[in-house]
Amino acid sequence: MFMELVTWVEGSDVYQCWFNKKKFIKILNSLGISDWKFFLYNYTADDTQLMIDEFEKRGWQYKKITILF
């Protein structure tokens, strides 16, 4: 699963975050979110950070790539 993260501070950074789909959906279900497609269509930077935090809390791997712009 792919999500973008933009830090909205001076000198903002943009990241592409890649998550394992099954683990991603498992986290969403634990948060009471059953429609992952709707979630991905409407997510915010805070949602991306939440997913990063949840993956790190569980010790799961994800990919975070810095995008230059």
N, C-alpha and C. Protein backbone atom coordinates (compact mmCIF):
# COMPACT_ATOMS: atom_id res chain seq x y z
N MET A 1 0.85 -1.17 0.00
CA MET A 1 0.00 0.00 0.00
C MET A 1 0.90 1.23 0.00
N PHE A 2 0.50 2.24 -0.70
CA PHE A 2 1.29 3.45 -0.87
C PHE A 2 0.57 4.64 -0.26
N MET A 3 1.32 5.45 0.51
CA MET A 3 0.79 6.70 1.04
C MET A 3 1.89 7.74 0.95
N GLU A 4 1.50 9.00 0.82
CA GLU A 4 2.46 10.10 0.84
C GLU A 4 2.42 10.79 2.18
N LEU A 5 3.56 11.34 2.57
CA LEU A 5 3.67 12.11 3.81
C LEU A 5 4.39 13.40 3.49
N VAL A 6 3.78 14.53 3.83
CA VAL A 6 4.40 15.83 3.66
C VAL A 6 4.49 16.48 5.04
N THR A 7 5.69 16.88 5.42
CA THR A 7 5.84 17.60 6.68
C THR A 7 5.63 19.08 6.38
N TRP A 8 4.60 19.66 6.97
CA TRP A 8 4.20 21.03 6.64
C TRP A 8 4.92 22.05 7.52
N VAL A 9 6.23 22.01 7.47
CA VAL A 9 7.06 22.98 8.18
C VAL A 9 8.00 23.60 7.15
N GLU A 10 8.66 24.68 7.54
CA GLU A 10 9.59 25.32 6.63
C GLU A 10 10.63 24.31 6.16
N GLY A 11 10.86 24.27 4.87
CA GLY A 11 11.77 23.27 4.32
C GLY A 11 11.13 21.89 4.31
N SER A 12 9.85 21.84 3.98
CA SER A 12 9.07 20.60 4.03
C SER A 12 9.76 19.45 3.30
N ASP A 13 9.55 18.27 3.84
CA ASP A 13 10.01 17.05 3.20
C ASP A 13 8.79 16.28 2.70
N VAL A 14 8.97 15.59 1.58
CA VAL A 14 7.91 14.75 1.03
C VAL A 14 8.45 13.32 1.00
N TYR A 15 7.63 12.39 1.47
CA TYR A 15 8.01 10.99 1.50
C TYR A 15 6.96 10.14 0.81
N GLN A 16 7.40 9.07 0.17
CA GLN A 16 6.51 8.02 -0.28
C GLN A 16 6.71 6.87 0.70
N CYS A 17 5.62 6.38 1.25
CA CYS A 17 5.68 5.29 2.22
C CYS A 17 4.97 4.07 1.63
N TRP A 18 5.65 2.95 1.68
CA TRP A 18 5.12 1.70 1.15
C TRP A 18 4.95 0.72 2.30
N PHE A 19 3.74 0.18 2.44
CA PHE A 19 3.40 -0.73 3.53
C PHE A 19 2.93 -2.08 2.97
N ASN A 20 3.18 -3.14 3.70
CA ASN A 20 2.65 -4.46 3.37
C ASN A 20 1.13 -4.39 3.45
N LYS A 21 0.46 -4.83 2.38
CA LYS A 21 -1.00 -4.68 2.29
C LYS A 21 -1.74 -5.41 3.40
N LYS A 22 -1.38 -6.67 3.68
CA LYS A 22 -2.10 -7.44 4.70
C LYS A 22 -1.92 -6.82 6.08
N LYS A 23 -0.71 -6.38 6.38
CA LYS A 23 -0.46 -5.75 7.69
C LYS A 23 -1.16 -4.40 7.78
N PHE A 24 -1.16 -3.66 6.68
CA PHE A 24 -1.84 -2.37 6.61
C PHE A 24 -3.33 -2.52 6.93
N ILE A 25 -3.96 -3.49 6.27
CA ILE A 25 -5.39 -3.74 6.48
C ILE A 25 -5.64 -4.22 7.91
N LYS A 26 -4.73 -5.03 8.45
CA LYS A 26 -4.87 -5.50 9.83
C LYS A 26 -4.88 -4.33 10.81
N ILE A 27 -4.01 -3.35 10.60
CA ILE A 27 -3.99 -2.16 11.45
C ILE A 27 -5.28 -1.37 11.30
N LEU A 28 -5.73 -1.17 10.06
CA LEU A 28 -6.98 -0.43 9.84
C LEU A 28 -8.14 -1.11 10.55
N ASN A 29 -8.21 -2.44 10.44
CA ASN A 29 -9.28 -3.18 11.11
C ASN A 29 -9.21 -3.00 12.62
N SER A 30 -7.99 -2.99 13.18
CA SER A 30 -7.85 -2.80 14.63
C SER A 30 -8.28 -1.41 15.06
N LEU A 31 -8.27 -0.46 14.12
CA LEU A 31 -8.71 0.91 14.39
C LEU A 31 -10.20 1.10 14.09
N GLY A 32 -10.86 0.03 13.65
CA GLY A 32 -12.30 0.10 13.36
C GLY A 32 -12.61 0.58 11.95
N ILE A 33 -11.61 0.55 11.06
CA ILE A 33 -11.81 1.00 9.67
C ILE A 33 -11.85 -0.23 8.79
N SER A 34 -13.00 -0.46 8.15
CA SER A 34 -13.16 -1.68 7.36
C SER A 34 -12.99 -1.44 5.85
N ASP A 35 -13.12 -0.21 5.39
CA ASP A 35 -13.02 0.09 3.96
C ASP A 35 -11.68 0.75 3.66
N TRP A 36 -10.66 -0.06 3.37
CA TRP A 36 -9.32 0.48 3.17
C TRP A 36 -9.22 1.32 1.89
N LYS A 37 -10.02 1.02 0.88
CA LYS A 37 -9.99 1.83 -0.35
C LYS A 37 -10.50 3.24 -0.07
N PHE A 38 -11.56 3.35 0.70
CA PHE A 38 -12.09 4.65 1.08
C PHE A 38 -11.07 5.41 1.92
N PHE A 39 -10.41 4.70 2.84
CA PHE A 39 -9.38 5.31 3.67
C PHE A 39 -8.26 5.89 2.81
N LEU A 40 -7.76 5.11 1.85
CA LEU A 40 -6.67 5.59 1.00
C LEU A 40 -7.08 6.75 0.11
N TYR A 41 -8.35 6.81 -0.23
CA TYR A 41 -8.85 7.90 -1.07
C TYR A 41 -8.93 9.21 -0.27
N ASN A 42 -9.10 9.12 1.05
CA ASN A 42 -9.36 10.30 1.87
C ASN A 42 -8.34 10.57 2.98
N TYR A 43 -7.20 9.92 2.96
CA TYR A 43 -6.26 10.08 4.08
C TYR A 43 -5.55 11.43 4.09
N THR A 44 -5.00 11.78 5.25
CA THR A 44 -4.22 13.01 5.42
C THR A 44 -2.81 12.63 5.88
N ALA A 45 -1.94 13.63 6.00
CA ALA A 45 -0.57 13.38 6.47
C ALA A 45 -0.59 12.78 7.87
N ASP A 46 -1.55 13.18 8.71
CA ASP A 46 -1.65 12.62 10.06
C ASP A 46 -1.96 11.12 10.00
N ASP A 47 -2.76 10.70 9.02
CA ASP A 47 -3.07 9.28 8.86
C ASP A 47 -1.82 8.49 8.46
N THR A 48 -1.01 9.08 7.58
CA THR A 48 0.23 8.43 7.17
C THR A 48 1.15 8.27 8.37
N GLN A 49 1.27 9.32 9.18
CA GLN A 49 2.12 9.24 10.37
C GLN A 49 1.59 8.20 11.35
N LEU A 50 0.27 8.10 11.46
CA LEU A 50 -0.33 7.08 12.32
C LEU A 50 0.07 5.68 11.84
N MET A 51 0.02 5.44 10.53
CA MET A 51 0.40 4.13 10.01
C MET A 51 1.88 3.85 10.26
N ILE A 52 2.73 4.84 10.08
CA ILE A 52 4.15 4.68 10.36
C ILE A 52 4.34 4.30 11.83
N ASP A 53 3.68 5.03 12.71
CA ASP A 53 3.79 4.76 14.15
C ASP A 53 3.31 3.35 14.50
N GLU A 54 2.20 2.92 13.89
CA GLU A 54 1.65 1.59 14.16
C GLU A 54 2.59 0.49 13.65
N PHE A 55 3.17 0.68 12.48
CA PHE A 55 4.11 -0.30 11.96
C PHE A 55 5.34 -0.38 12.85
N GLU A 56 5.85 0.78 13.27
CA GLU A 56 7.03 0.78 14.13
C GLU A 56 6.73 0.17 15.50
N LYS A 57 5.55 0.43 16.04
CA LYS A 57 5.15 -0.12 17.33
C LYS A 57 5.15 -1.65 17.29
N ARG A 58 4.74 -2.19 16.15
CA ARG A 58 4.66 -3.65 15.99
C ARG A 58 5.97 -4.26 15.51
N GLY A 59 6.95 -3.41 15.19
CA GLY A 59 8.23 -3.90 14.69
C GLY A 59 8.18 -4.40 13.25
N TRP A 60 7.19 -3.91 12.49
CA TRP A 60 7.02 -4.31 11.10
C TRP A 60 7.81 -3.38 10.18
N GLN A 61 8.29 -3.94 9.10
CA GLN A 61 9.06 -3.18 8.11
C GLN A 61 8.13 -2.42 7.16
N TYR A 62 8.60 -1.26 6.73
CA TYR A 62 7.94 -0.49 5.68
C TYR A 62 9.02 0.30 4.98
N LYS A 63 8.71 0.82 3.81
CA LYS A 63 9.69 1.57 3.04
C LYS A 63 9.29 3.04 3.04
N LYS A 64 10.24 3.92 3.35
CA LYS A 64 9.99 5.37 3.37
C LYS A 64 11.05 6.02 2.49
N ILE A 65 10.61 6.55 1.35
CA ILE A 65 11.51 7.13 0.37
C ILE A 65 11.33 8.65 0.34
N THR A 66 12.43 9.38 0.45
CA THR A 66 12.39 10.85 0.36
C THR A 66 12.28 11.26 -1.10
N ILE A 67 11.33 12.14 -1.39
CA ILE A 67 11.12 12.65 -2.74
C ILE A 67 11.63 14.09 -2.80
N LEU A 68 12.49 14.36 -3.73
CA LEU A 68 13.02 15.71 -3.90
C LEU A 68 12.09 16.50 -4.82
N PHE A 69 11.83 17.74 -4.44
CA PHE A 69 11.01 18.58 -5.31
C PHE A 69 11.51 19.99 -5.30
